[in-house]
Amino acid sequence: MKKFFLAFSRWAGTWTGTVVIVLFLIFFVAQSFVIPSGSMKRTQLIGDFLFAKKFSYGIVTPHLPWLEVPLLPDFNGNGHLIEGPRPKREDIVIFRNPQTPKIHFVKRCVAVGGDEVMYEDKKLYIHFHDLEDEASIKAHYPKANIVTLRGKLWVINPYMNKYPGIQYKPEYNGNSFMLLAHHYQANSDIDMTPVFVEELGRKVFYKKIKEEHFYMIGDNRDNSNDSRFWGSVPYRLIVGKPWLIYMSLEFRSYDQVYNGVGGGKDHDKLHRICPNLNIGSQECQDLWNKQRYTVRWGRVGRLIESIQLEAPIE
């Protein structure tokens, strides 16, 4: 055994050994991702560099980094070399977008196969298919959030009370409910269908989740391109779970945070940097430029699961 470890140590110290070990870690253990949008703020912020655990939901079929070309056939037809547990409700999940599978998204799994989802402005209603009676629902969610609609029990915004890190901070003057309505009226493809709910006296958007599929919605729902628009995510596209923030850097330009140029509009952040100034002023721009490229040291080394349980300070 000692000889084996000595031989392995010598091999690992070579260029070949180093490359093989690094690729093994990237393919099967952990991979680095950068948060590009504000759809999950403030549990995850634009500029968070994080490691994801790639073994949380099984062993994913390896893809060549950056090119995202699969290195092996999908032997099992489910995107995984070894099948594992499925994402659970409340999990923050990294997955491949169904429309553009080479691009990774990070969202919260709000519903699983068999669940039903209804959405209206600022309110997400979920009917949990395996929690049919009020007593079992009350064991998990506050009574004030439980309502009866269309003859079934639903929970309103079920995860916001449990996770203080979820902060609803839209980055533009609009809302995703109106955007869904606009797409529907224009005959554009969306994943939800409008239904009239008598108890509410109005229409909302509705979806029942297919088996082996998972509904992924950003915590910051008015600033999130998610399952409401392009559909639920099958298990074969599930990659892993965000784990650890190893760097967090504020790199956006003033133009980005003020006008949204290149993405990243964030007037909430500007108001905190310039509390007593007009955020459109030159003075505010100068203040922003002074703190640009600063490291958010309070986030470095933090576990995602712990951050979402705390009220954000950033």
C-alpha atoms as a PDB file:
ATOM      1  CA  MET A   1       0.000   0.000   0.000  1.00  0.00           C
ATOM      2  CA  LYS A   2       2.857   2.358   0.851  1.00  0.00           C
ATOM      3  CA  LYS A   3       4.460   1.706  -2.529  1.00  0.00           C
ATOM      4  CA  PHE A   4       1.152   2.461  -4.229  1.00  0.00           C
ATOM      5  CA  PHE A   5       0.805   5.821  -2.476  1.00  0.00           C
ATOM      6  CA  LEU A   6       4.407   6.731  -3.272  1.00  0.00           C
ATOM      7  CA  ALA A   7       3.905   5.822  -6.930  1.00  0.00           C
ATOM      8  CA  PHE A   8       0.610   7.763  -7.034  1.00  0.00           C
ATOM      9  CA  SER A   9       2.273  10.777  -5.426  1.00  0.00           C
ATOM     10  CA  ARG A  10       5.032  10.779  -8.028  1.00  0.00           C
ATOM     11  CA  TRP A  11       2.491  10.391 -10.857  1.00  0.00           C
ATOM     12  CA  ALA A  12       0.250  13.138  -9.447  1.00  0.00           C
ATOM     13  CA  GLY A  13       3.218  15.485  -9.466  1.00  0.00           C
ATOM     14  CA  THR A  14       3.684  15.098 -13.223  1.00  0.00           C
ATOM     15  CA  TRP A  15       1.892  17.282 -15.774  1.00  0.00           C
ATOM     16  CA  THR A  16      -0.118  14.295 -16.960  1.00  0.00           C
ATOM     17  CA  GLY A  17      -1.165  13.360 -13.444  1.00  0.00           C
ATOM     18  CA  THR A  18      -2.102  16.933 -12.569  1.00  0.00           C
ATOM     19  CA  VAL A  19      -4.254  17.337 -15.696  1.00  0.00           C
ATOM     20  CA  VAL A  20      -5.997  13.988 -15.134  1.00  0.00           C
ATOM     21  CA  ILE A  21      -6.743  14.769 -11.482  1.00  0.00           C
ATOM     22  CA  VAL A  22      -8.058  18.259 -12.295  1.00  0.00           C
ATOM     23  CA  LEU A  23     -10.281  16.916 -15.064  1.00  0.00           C
ATOM     24  CA  PHE A  24     -11.543  14.152 -12.785  1.00  0.00           C
ATOM     25  CA  LEU A  25     -12.514  16.748 -10.161  1.00  0.00           C
ATOM     26  CA  ILE A  26     -14.231  18.949 -12.765  1.00  0.00           C
ATOM     27  CA  PHE A  27     -16.087  16.047 -14.375  1.00  0.00           C
ATOM     28  CA  PHE A  28     -17.291  14.258 -11.257  1.00  0.00           C
ATOM     29  CA  VAL A  29     -16.726  16.229  -8.043  1.00  0.00           C
ATOM     30  CA  ALA A  30     -16.861  20.029  -8.252  1.00  0.00           C
ATOM     31  CA  GLN A  31     -16.971  22.673 -10.938  1.00  0.00           C
ATOM     32  CA  SER A  32     -16.627  26.447 -10.819  1.00  0.00           C
ATOM     33  CA  PHE A  33     -19.444  28.765 -11.922  1.00  0.00           C
ATOM     34  CA  VAL A  34     -19.954  32.532 -11.924  1.00  0.00           C
ATOM     35  CA  ILE A  35     -23.354  34.073 -11.156  1.00  0.00           C
ATOM     36  CA  PRO A  36     -24.216  36.304 -14.161  1.00  0.00           C
ATOM     37  CA  SER A  37     -27.633  37.722 -13.201  1.00  0.00           C
ATOM     38  CA  GLY A  38     -29.696  38.918 -10.262  1.00  0.00           C
ATOM     39  CA  SER A  39     -32.358  36.219 -10.462  1.00  0.00           C
ATOM     40  CA  MET A  40     -31.260  34.619  -7.166  1.00  0.00           C
ATOM     41  CA  LYS A  41     -30.216  37.682  -5.198  1.00  0.00           C
ATOM     42  CA  ARG A  42     -29.446  38.016  -2.460  1.00  0.00           C
ATOM     43  CA  THR A  43     -28.630  34.390  -1.715  1.00  0.00           C
ATOM     44  CA  GLN A  44     -26.416  34.599  -4.783  1.00  0.00           C
ATOM     45  CA  LEU A  45     -25.162  37.878  -6.214  1.00  0.00           C
ATOM     46  CA  ILE A  46     -23.837  38.861  -9.611  1.00  0.00           C
ATOM     47  CA  GLY A  47     -20.092  38.298  -9.355  1.00  0.00           C
ATOM     48  CA  ASP A  48     -20.231  35.378  -6.926  1.00  0.00           C
ATOM     49  CA  PHE A  49     -17.715  32.708  -7.960  1.00  0.00           C
ATOM     50  CA  LEU A  50     -18.817  29.394  -6.549  1.00  0.00           C
ATOM     51  CA  PHE A  51     -18.085  25.699  -6.544  1.00  0.00           C
ATOM     52  CA  ALA A  52     -20.912  23.318  -7.302  1.00  0.00           C
ATOM     53  CA  LYS A  53     -21.164  19.757  -6.040  1.00  0.00           C
ATOM     54  CA  LYS A  54     -21.664  17.630  -9.147  1.00  0.00           C
ATOM     55  CA  PHE A  55     -22.471  14.450  -7.248  1.00  0.00           C
ATOM     56  CA  SER A  56     -25.524  15.741  -5.348  1.00  0.00           C
ATOM     57  CA  TYR A  57     -28.006  14.166  -7.755  1.00  0.00           C
ATOM     58  CA  GLY A  58     -25.950  11.332  -9.184  1.00  0.00           C
ATOM     59  CA  ILE A  59     -22.824  11.240 -11.364  1.00  0.00           C
ATOM     60  CA  VAL A  60     -23.397  13.476 -14.384  1.00  0.00           C
ATOM     61  CA  THR A  61     -22.240  12.391 -17.832  1.00  0.00           C
ATOM     62  CA  PRO A  62     -18.975  14.367 -18.235  1.00  0.00           C
ATOM     63  CA  HIS A  63     -18.760  17.248 -20.703  1.00  0.00           C
ATOM     64  CA  LEU A  64     -15.635  18.929 -22.025  1.00  0.00           C
ATOM     65  CA  PRO A  65     -15.291  22.225 -20.131  1.00  0.00           C
ATOM     66  CA  TRP A  66     -16.130  25.442 -22.016  1.00  0.00           C
ATOM     67  CA  LEU A  67     -17.072  23.566 -25.206  1.00  0.00           C
ATOM     68  CA  GLU A  68     -19.700  21.560 -23.280  1.00  0.00           C
ATOM     69  CA  VAL A  69     -19.321  18.568 -25.597  1.00  0.00           C
ATOM     70  CA  PRO A  70     -20.285  15.226 -23.971  1.00  0.00           C
ATOM     71  CA  LEU A  71     -17.286  12.904 -23.635  1.00  0.00           C
ATOM     72  CA  LEU A  72     -19.367   9.747 -23.254  1.00  0.00           C
ATOM     73  CA  PRO A  73     -22.712   8.591 -24.635  1.00  0.00           C
ATOM     74  CA  ASP A  74     -25.763   8.981 -22.419  1.00  0.00           C
ATOM     75  CA  PHE A  75     -25.857   5.256 -21.615  1.00  0.00           C
ATOM     76  CA  ASN A  76     -28.838   5.496 -19.256  1.00  0.00           C
ATOM     77  CA  GLY A  77     -30.811   8.072 -21.226  1.00  0.00           C
ATOM     78  CA  ASN A  78     -31.025  10.338 -18.174  1.00  0.00           C
ATOM     79  CA  GLY A  79     -27.846  12.426 -18.434  1.00  0.00           C
ATOM     80  CA  HIS A  80     -26.118  10.565 -15.591  1.00  0.00           C
ATOM     81  CA  LEU A  81     -23.554   7.782 -15.518  1.00  0.00           C
ATOM     82  CA  ILE A  82     -24.849   6.786 -12.090  1.00  0.00           C
ATOM     83  CA  GLU A  83     -28.408   7.681 -11.164  1.00  0.00           C
ATOM     84  CA  GLY A  84     -28.872   9.512  -7.883  1.00  0.00           C
ATOM     85  CA  PRO A  85     -31.446  11.297  -5.739  1.00  0.00           C
ATOM     86  CA  ARG A  86     -33.703  13.842  -7.414  1.00  0.00           C
ATOM     87  CA  PRO A  87     -33.806  17.533  -6.538  1.00  0.00           C
ATOM     88  CA  LYS A  88     -36.143  18.292  -3.665  1.00  0.00           C
ATOM     89  CA  ARG A  89     -38.412  21.259  -3.208  1.00  0.00           C
ATOM     90  CA  GLU A  90     -36.475  24.230  -1.814  1.00  0.00           C
ATOM     91  CA  ASP A  91     -33.142  23.040  -3.274  1.00  0.00           C
ATOM     92  CA  ILE A  92     -31.047  25.554  -5.194  1.00  0.00           C
ATOM     93  CA  VAL A  93     -30.011  23.633  -8.303  1.00  0.00           C
ATOM     94  CA  ILE A  94     -27.553  24.031 -11.165  1.00  0.00           C
ATOM     95  CA  PHE A  95     -28.926  22.635 -14.405  1.00  0.00           C
ATOM     96  CA  ARG A  96     -28.695  22.920 -18.152  1.00  0.00           C
ATOM     97  CA  ASN A  97     -31.302  25.151 -19.725  1.00  0.00           C
ATOM     98  CA  PRO A  98     -33.792  23.055 -21.764  1.00  0.00           C
ATOM     99  CA  GLN A  99     -33.685  25.547 -24.642  1.00  0.00           C
ATOM    100  CA  THR A 100     -29.902  25.995 -24.673  1.00  0.00           C
ATOM    101  CA  PRO A 101     -28.378  22.925 -22.974  1.00  0.00           C
ATOM    102  CA  LYS A 102     -24.819  24.247 -23.217  1.00  0.00           C
ATOM    103  CA  ILE A 103     -25.724  27.062 -20.814  1.00  0.00           C
ATOM    104  CA  HIS A 104     -25.979  26.423 -17.073  1.00  0.00           C
ATOM    105  CA  PHE A 105     -28.659  28.091 -14.965  1.00  0.00           C
ATOM    106  CA  VAL A 106     -29.026  28.386 -11.194  1.00  0.00           C
ATOM    107  CA  LYS A 107     -32.557  28.551  -9.731  1.00  0.00           C
ATOM    108  CA  ARG A 108     -34.581  27.240  -6.819  1.00  0.00           C
ATOM    109  CA  CYS A 109     -36.620  24.068  -7.302  1.00  0.00           C
ATOM    110  CA  VAL A 110     -40.090  25.251  -6.245  1.00  0.00           C
ATOM    111  CA  ALA A 111     -42.079  22.184  -7.319  1.00  0.00           C
ATOM    112  CA  VAL A 112     -41.546  18.578  -8.364  1.00  0.00           C
ATOM    113  CA  GLY A 113     -43.438  16.117 -10.547  1.00  0.00           C
ATOM    114  CA  GLY A 114     -47.122  15.929  -9.625  1.00  0.00           C
ATOM    115  CA  ASP A 115     -47.193  19.359  -7.957  1.00  0.00           C
ATOM    116  CA  GLU A 116     -49.294  22.209  -9.322  1.00  0.00           C
ATOM    117  CA  VAL A 117     -48.177  25.833  -9.562  1.00  0.00           C
ATOM    118  CA  MET A 118     -50.173  29.030  -9.950  1.00  0.00           C
ATOM    119  CA  TYR A 119     -48.571  32.431 -10.374  1.00  0.00           C
ATOM    120  CA  GLU A 120     -49.839  35.981 -10.161  1.00  0.00           C
ATOM    121  CA  ASP A 121     -48.043  39.240  -9.523  1.00  0.00           C
ATOM    122  CA  LYS A 122     -45.803  38.822  -6.434  1.00  0.00           C
ATOM    123  CA  LYS A 123     -47.535  35.573  -5.416  1.00  0.00           C
ATOM    124  CA  LEU A 124     -46.523  31.992  -6.119  1.00  0.00           C
ATOM    125  CA  TYR A 125     -49.117  29.360  -5.145  1.00  0.00           C
ATOM    126  CA  ILE A 126     -48.052  25.725  -4.906  1.00  0.00           C
ATOM    127  CA  HIS A 127     -50.213  22.649  -4.392  1.00  0.00           C
ATOM    128  CA  PHE A 128     -48.024  19.860  -3.059  1.00  0.00           C
ATOM    129  CA  HIS A 129     -49.345  16.592  -4.454  1.00  0.00           C
ATOM    130  CA  ASP A 130     -48.118  14.536  -1.479  1.00  0.00           C
ATOM    131  CA  LEU A 131     -49.488  16.879   1.208  1.00  0.00           C
ATOM    132  CA  GLU A 132     -53.226  16.500   0.771  1.00  0.00           C
ATOM    133  CA  ASP A 133     -54.561  17.449   4.212  1.00  0.00           C
ATOM    134  CA  GLU A 134     -54.229  20.703   6.129  1.00  0.00           C
ATOM    135  CA  ALA A 135     -52.517  19.096   9.120  1.00  0.00           C
ATOM    136  CA  SER A 136     -49.613  17.780   7.032  1.00  0.00           C
ATOM    137  CA  ILE A 137     -49.213  21.136   5.283  1.00  0.00           C
ATOM    138  CA  LYS A 138     -49.270  23.035   8.597  1.00  0.00           C
ATOM    139  CA  ALA A 139     -46.379  20.851   9.764  1.00  0.00           C
ATOM    140  CA  HIS A 140     -44.248  22.481   7.085  1.00  0.00           C
ATOM    141  CA  TYR A 141     -45.740  25.923   6.389  1.00  0.00           C
ATOM    142  CA  PRO A 142     -47.467  28.728   8.370  1.00  0.00           C
ATOM    143  CA  LYS A 143     -51.257  28.546   8.567  1.00  0.00           C
ATOM    144  CA  ALA A 144     -51.537  32.128   7.277  1.00  0.00           C
ATOM    145  CA  ASN A 145     -49.953  31.014   3.981  1.00  0.00           C
ATOM    146  CA  ILE A 146     -52.394  28.149   3.363  1.00  0.00           C
ATOM    147  CA  VAL A 147     -55.438  28.846   1.176  1.00  0.00           C
ATOM    148  CA  THR A 148     -58.152  26.791  -0.517  1.00  0.00           C
ATOM    149  CA  LEU A 149     -58.489  27.447  -4.234  1.00  0.00           C
ATOM    150  CA  ARG A 150     -60.267  25.354  -6.857  1.00  0.00           C
ATOM    151  CA  GLY A 151     -61.035  22.725  -4.236  1.00  0.00           C
ATOM    152  CA  LYS A 152     -57.397  22.180  -3.264  1.00  0.00           C
ATOM    153  CA  LEU A 153     -54.988  23.437  -0.610  1.00  0.00           C
ATOM    154  CA  TRP A 154     -52.258  25.781  -1.794  1.00  0.00           C
ATOM    155  CA  VAL A 155     -49.350  27.493  -0.044  1.00  0.00           C
ATOM    156  CA  ILE A 156     -48.542  31.119  -0.919  1.00  0.00           C
ATOM    157  CA  ASN A 157     -44.834  31.952  -1.373  1.00  0.00           C
ATOM    158  CA  PRO A 158     -43.887  28.847   0.623  1.00  0.00           C
ATOM    159  CA  TYR A 159     -40.133  29.412   0.872  1.00  0.00           C
ATOM    160  CA  MET A 160     -39.801  33.087   1.757  1.00  0.00           C
ATOM    161  CA  ASN A 161     -40.526  32.588   5.472  1.00  0.00           C
ATOM    162  CA  LYS A 162     -38.034  29.749   5.773  1.00  0.00           C
ATOM    163  CA  TYR A 163     -35.163  31.426   3.936  1.00  0.00           C
ATOM    164  CA  PRO A 164     -34.526  35.074   4.957  1.00  0.00           C
ATOM    165  CA  GLY A 165     -31.857  35.229   2.261  1.00  0.00           C
ATOM    166  CA  ILE A 166     -34.657  35.394  -0.323  1.00  0.00           C
ATOM    167  CA  GLN A 167     -35.081  39.107  -0.962  1.00  0.00           C
ATOM    168  CA  TYR A 168     -37.542  40.220  -3.595  1.00  0.00           C
ATOM    169  CA  LYS A 169     -35.598  43.027  -5.321  1.00  0.00           C
ATOM    170  CA  PRO A 170     -36.635  43.495  -8.967  1.00  0.00           C
ATOM    171  CA  GLU A 171     -34.063  45.256 -11.115  1.00  0.00           C
ATOM    172  CA  TYR A 172     -36.399  46.993 -13.539  1.00  0.00           C
ATOM    173  CA  ASN A 173     -39.778  48.710 -13.569  1.00  0.00           C
ATOM    174  CA  GLY A 174     -42.036  45.859 -14.554  1.00  0.00           C
ATOM    175  CA  ASN A 175     -43.097  42.431 -13.418  1.00  0.00           C
ATOM    176  CA  SER A 176     -42.917  38.938 -14.788  1.00  0.00           C
ATOM    177  CA  PHE A 177     -46.686  38.412 -14.482  1.00  0.00           C
ATOM    178  CA  MET A 178     -47.324  41.172 -17.020  1.00  0.00           C
ATOM    179  CA  LEU A 179     -44.500  39.818 -19.158  1.00  0.00           C
ATOM    180  CA  LEU A 180     -46.120  36.374 -19.167  1.00  0.00           C
ATOM    181  CA  ALA A 181     -49.468  37.946 -20.096  1.00  0.00           C
ATOM    182  CA  HIS A 182     -47.828  39.882 -22.924  1.00  0.00           C
ATOM    183  CA  HIS A 183     -46.152  36.741 -24.293  1.00  0.00           C
ATOM    184  CA  TYR A 184     -49.415  34.801 -24.080  1.00  0.00           C
ATOM    185  CA  GLN A 185     -51.405  37.498 -25.898  1.00  0.00           C
ATOM    186  CA  ALA A 186     -48.735  37.643 -28.578  1.00  0.00           C
ATOM    187  CA  ASN A 187     -48.982  33.845 -29.048  1.00  0.00           C
ATOM    188  CA  SER A 188     -45.386  33.412 -27.919  1.00  0.00           C
ATOM    189  CA  ASP A 189     -44.414  30.138 -26.290  1.00  0.00           C
ATOM    190  CA  ILE A 190     -44.612  30.162 -22.495  1.00  0.00           C
ATOM    191  CA  ASP A 191     -44.995  27.224 -20.145  1.00  0.00           C
ATOM    192  CA  MET A 192     -47.986  28.405 -18.111  1.00  0.00           C
ATOM    193  CA  THR A 193     -51.655  28.727 -19.064  1.00  0.00           C
ATOM    194  CA  PRO A 194     -54.051  31.403 -17.763  1.00  0.00           C
ATOM    195  CA  VAL A 195     -56.933  30.030 -15.671  1.00  0.00           C
ATOM    196  CA  PHE A 196     -59.758  31.817 -13.872  1.00  0.00           C
ATOM    197  CA  VAL A 197     -59.748  31.261 -10.107  1.00  0.00           C
ATOM    198  CA  GLU A 198     -63.195  31.974  -8.698  1.00  0.00           C
ATOM    199  CA  GLU A 199     -61.980  32.523  -5.137  1.00  0.00           C
ATOM    200  CA  LEU A 200     -59.553  35.215  -6.354  1.00  0.00           C
ATOM    201  CA  GLY A 201     -61.957  36.694  -8.876  1.00  0.00           C
ATOM    202  CA  ARG A 202     -59.262  36.897 -11.574  1.00  0.00           C
ATOM    203  CA  LYS A 203     -57.035  34.925 -13.883  1.00  0.00           C
ATOM    204  CA  VAL A 204     -53.642  33.577 -12.877  1.00  0.00           C
ATOM    205  CA  PHE A 205     -51.096  31.423 -14.691  1.00  0.00           C
ATOM    206  CA  TYR A 206     -51.184  27.674 -14.018  1.00  0.00           C
ATOM    207  CA  LYS A 207     -48.985  24.618 -14.584  1.00  0.00           C
ATOM    208  CA  LYS A 208     -48.983  20.987 -13.432  1.00  0.00           C
ATOM    209  CA  ILE A 209     -45.477  19.531 -13.303  1.00  0.00           C
ATOM    210  CA  LYS A 210     -44.737  16.319 -15.203  1.00  0.00           C
ATOM    211  CA  GLU A 211     -43.190  13.344 -13.444  1.00  0.00           C
ATOM    212  CA  GLU A 212     -39.386  13.357 -13.322  1.00  0.00           C
ATOM    213  CA  HIS A 213     -39.435  17.099 -14.006  1.00  0.00           C
ATOM    214  CA  PHE A 214     -38.608  20.013 -11.730  1.00  0.00           C
ATOM    215  CA  TYR A 215     -39.924  23.567 -11.767  1.00  0.00           C
ATOM    216  CA  MET A 216     -37.096  26.064 -11.411  1.00  0.00           C
ATOM    217  CA  ILE A 217     -37.871  29.697 -10.524  1.00  0.00           C
ATOM    218  CA  GLY A 218     -35.514  32.457  -9.423  1.00  0.00           C
ATOM    219  CA  ASP A 219     -35.983  33.850  -5.914  1.00  0.00           C
ATOM    220  CA  ASN A 220     -36.056  37.341  -7.426  1.00  0.00           C
ATOM    221  CA  ARG A 221     -38.987  36.416  -9.645  1.00  0.00           C
ATOM    222  CA  ASP A 222     -39.473  39.695 -11.510  1.00  0.00           C
ATOM    223  CA  ASN A 223     -35.891  39.471 -12.674  1.00  0.00           C
ATOM    224  CA  SER A 224     -35.724  35.814 -13.621  1.00  0.00           C
ATOM    225  CA  ASN A 225     -35.860  33.922 -16.892  1.00  0.00           C
ATOM    226  CA  ASP A 226     -37.055  30.545 -15.641  1.00  0.00           C
ATOM    227  CA  SER A 227     -39.464  27.601 -15.951  1.00  0.00           C
ATOM    228  CA  ARG A 228     -42.497  29.868 -16.242  1.00  0.00           C
ATOM    229  CA  PHE A 229     -41.245  30.838 -19.690  1.00  0.00           C
ATOM    230  CA  TRP A 230     -39.436  27.764 -21.047  1.00  0.00           C
ATOM    231  CA  GLY A 231     -40.717  24.842 -19.008  1.00  0.00           C
ATOM    232  CA  SER A 232     -39.786  22.394 -16.312  1.00  0.00           C
ATOM    233  CA  VAL A 233     -36.357  20.759 -16.199  1.00  0.00           C
ATOM    234  CA  PRO A 234     -36.015  16.988 -16.734  1.00  0.00           C
ATOM    235  CA  TYR A 235     -33.662  14.967 -14.562  1.00  0.00           C
ATOM    236  CA  ARG A 236     -31.270  14.435 -17.474  1.00  0.00           C
ATOM    237  CA  LEU A 237     -30.390  18.160 -17.406  1.00  0.00           C
ATOM    238  CA  ILE A 238     -29.756  18.350 -13.652  1.00  0.00           C
ATOM    239  CA  VAL A 239     -26.068  19.024 -12.937  1.00  0.00           C
ATOM    240  CA  GLY A 240     -25.590  19.642  -9.226  1.00  0.00           C
ATOM    241  CA  LYS A 241     -26.004  21.922  -6.258  1.00  0.00           C
ATOM    242  CA  PRO A 242     -24.217  25.230  -5.460  1.00  0.00           C
ATOM    243  CA  TRP A 243     -21.901  24.639  -2.538  1.00  0.00           C
ATOM    244  CA  LEU A 244     -19.271  27.246  -1.623  1.00  0.00           C
ATOM    245  CA  ILE A 245     -18.500  30.839  -2.650  1.00  0.00           C
ATOM    246  CA  TYR A 246     -14.735  31.037  -3.128  1.00  0.00           C
ATOM    247  CA  MET A 247     -14.703  34.620  -4.438  1.00  0.00           C
ATOM    248  CA  SER A 248     -17.224  37.446  -4.702  1.00  0.00           C
ATOM    249  CA  LEU A 249     -16.285  40.458  -6.786  1.00  0.00           C
ATOM    250  CA  GLU A 250     -18.242  43.589  -7.691  1.00  0.00           C
ATOM    251  CA  PHE A 251     -17.114  44.030 -11.289  1.00  0.00           C
ATOM    252  CA  ARG A 252     -20.103  45.752 -12.941  1.00  0.00           C
ATOM    253  CA  SER A 253     -19.671  49.184 -14.477  1.00  0.00           C
ATOM    254  CA  TYR A 254     -21.844  52.121 -13.484  1.00  0.00           C
ATOM    255  CA  ASP A 255     -23.512  51.881 -16.890  1.00  0.00           C
ATOM    256  CA  GLN A 256     -24.474  48.286 -16.147  1.00  0.00           C
ATOM    257  CA  VAL A 257     -25.969  48.887 -12.720  1.00  0.00           C
ATOM    258  CA  TYR A 258     -27.740  52.106 -13.710  1.00  0.00           C
ATOM    259  CA  ASN A 259     -28.919  51.433 -17.267  1.00  0.00           C
ATOM    260  CA  GLY A 260     -28.691  47.665 -17.490  1.00  0.00           C
ATOM    261  CA  VAL A 261     -26.182  47.856 -20.350  1.00  0.00           C
ATOM    262  CA  GLY A 262     -24.761  44.363 -20.700  1.00  0.00           C
ATOM    263  CA  GLY A 263     -27.060  43.106 -17.928  1.00  0.00           C
ATOM    264  CA  GLY A 264     -26.874  43.608 -14.204  1.00  0.00           C
ATOM    265  CA  LYS A 265     -29.164  46.593 -13.611  1.00  0.00           C
ATOM    266  CA  ASP A 266     -29.263  47.104  -9.840  1.00  0.00           C
ATOM    267  CA  HIS A 267     -30.700  50.405  -8.580  1.00  0.00           C
ATOM    268  CA  ASP A 268     -31.083  48.873  -5.131  1.00  0.00           C
ATOM    269  CA  LYS A 269     -27.295  48.572  -4.887  1.00  0.00           C
ATOM    270  CA  LEU A 270     -26.812  52.122  -6.152  1.00  0.00           C
ATOM    271  CA  HIS A 271     -29.166  53.481  -3.498  1.00  0.00           C
ATOM    272  CA  ARG A 272     -27.038  51.786  -0.826  1.00  0.00           C
ATOM    273  CA  ILE A 273     -23.792  53.158  -2.276  1.00  0.00           C
ATOM    274  CA  CYS A 274     -25.311  56.643  -2.738  1.00  0.00           C
ATOM    275  CA  PRO A 275     -27.877  56.933   0.108  1.00  0.00           C
ATOM    276  CA  ASN A 276     -28.125  60.732   0.016  1.00  0.00           C
ATOM    277  CA  LEU A 277     -27.537  61.325  -3.689  1.00  0.00           C
ATOM    278  CA  ASN A 278     -29.451  61.086  -6.924  1.00  0.00           C
ATOM    279  CA  ILE A 279     -28.308  57.728  -8.296  1.00  0.00           C
ATOM    280  CA  GLY A 280     -28.213  59.267 -11.783  1.00  0.00           C
ATOM    281  CA  SER A 281     -25.767  61.977 -10.746  1.00  0.00           C
ATOM    282  CA  GLN A 282     -22.074  62.243 -11.552  1.00  0.00           C
ATOM    283  CA  GLU A 283     -21.345  62.174  -7.813  1.00  0.00           C
ATOM    284  CA  CYS A 284     -22.994  58.765  -7.491  1.00  0.00           C
ATOM    285  CA  GLN A 285     -21.132  57.517 -10.558  1.00  0.00           C
ATOM    286  CA  ASP A 286     -17.839  58.622  -8.986  1.00  0.00           C
ATOM    287  CA  LEU A 287     -18.678  56.843  -5.720  1.00  0.00           C
ATOM    288  CA  TRP A 288     -19.532  53.666  -7.618  1.00  0.00           C
ATOM    289  CA  ASN A 289     -16.293  53.759  -9.594  1.00  0.00           C
ATOM    290  CA  LYS A 290     -14.298  54.082  -6.372  1.00  0.00           C
ATOM    291  CA  GLN A 291     -15.727  50.826  -4.990  1.00  0.00           C
ATOM    292  CA  ARG A 292     -15.818  48.900  -8.256  1.00  0.00           C
ATOM    293  CA  TYR A 293     -13.698  45.727  -8.301  1.00  0.00           C
ATOM    294  CA  THR A 294     -13.912  45.426  -4.531  1.00  0.00           C
ATOM    295  CA  VAL A 295     -14.053  41.962  -3.024  1.00  0.00           C
ATOM    296  CA  ARG A 296     -17.105  41.129  -0.918  1.00  0.00           C
ATOM    297  CA  TRP A 297     -15.010  39.533   1.804  1.00  0.00           C
ATOM    298  CA  GLY A 298     -18.077  38.741   3.917  1.00  0.00           C
ATOM    299  CA  ARG A 299     -19.209  36.246   1.287  1.00  0.00           C
ATOM    300  CA  VAL A 300     -15.881  34.551   0.563  1.00  0.00           C
ATOM    301  CA  GLY A 301     -15.708  31.034   1.969  1.00  0.00           C
ATOM    302  CA  ARG A 302     -19.421  30.978   2.788  1.00  0.00           C
ATOM    303  CA  LEU A 303     -21.679  27.986   2.172  1.00  0.00           C
ATOM    304  CA  ILE A 304     -24.761  28.708   0.066  1.00  0.00           C
ATOM    305  CA  GLU A 305     -26.956  26.719   2.450  1.00  0.00           C
ATOM    306  CA  SER A 306     -25.967  28.970   5.350  1.00  0.00           C
ATOM    307  CA  ILE A 307     -26.274  32.261   3.448  1.00  0.00           C
ATOM    308  CA  GLN A 308     -29.874  31.626   2.484  1.00  0.00           C
ATOM    309  CA  LEU A 309     -30.789  31.256   6.172  1.00  0.00           C
ATOM    310  CA  GLU A 310     -29.553  34.754   7.001  1.00  0.00           C
ATOM    311  CA  ALA A 311     -30.973  38.197   6.253  1.00  0.00           C
ATOM    312  CA  PRO A 312     -28.582  39.667   3.667  1.00  0.00           C
ATOM    313  CA  ILE A 313     -26.210  42.490   4.487  1.00  0.00           C
ATOM    314  CA  GLU A 314     -24.972  42.921   0.910  1.00  0.00           C
END
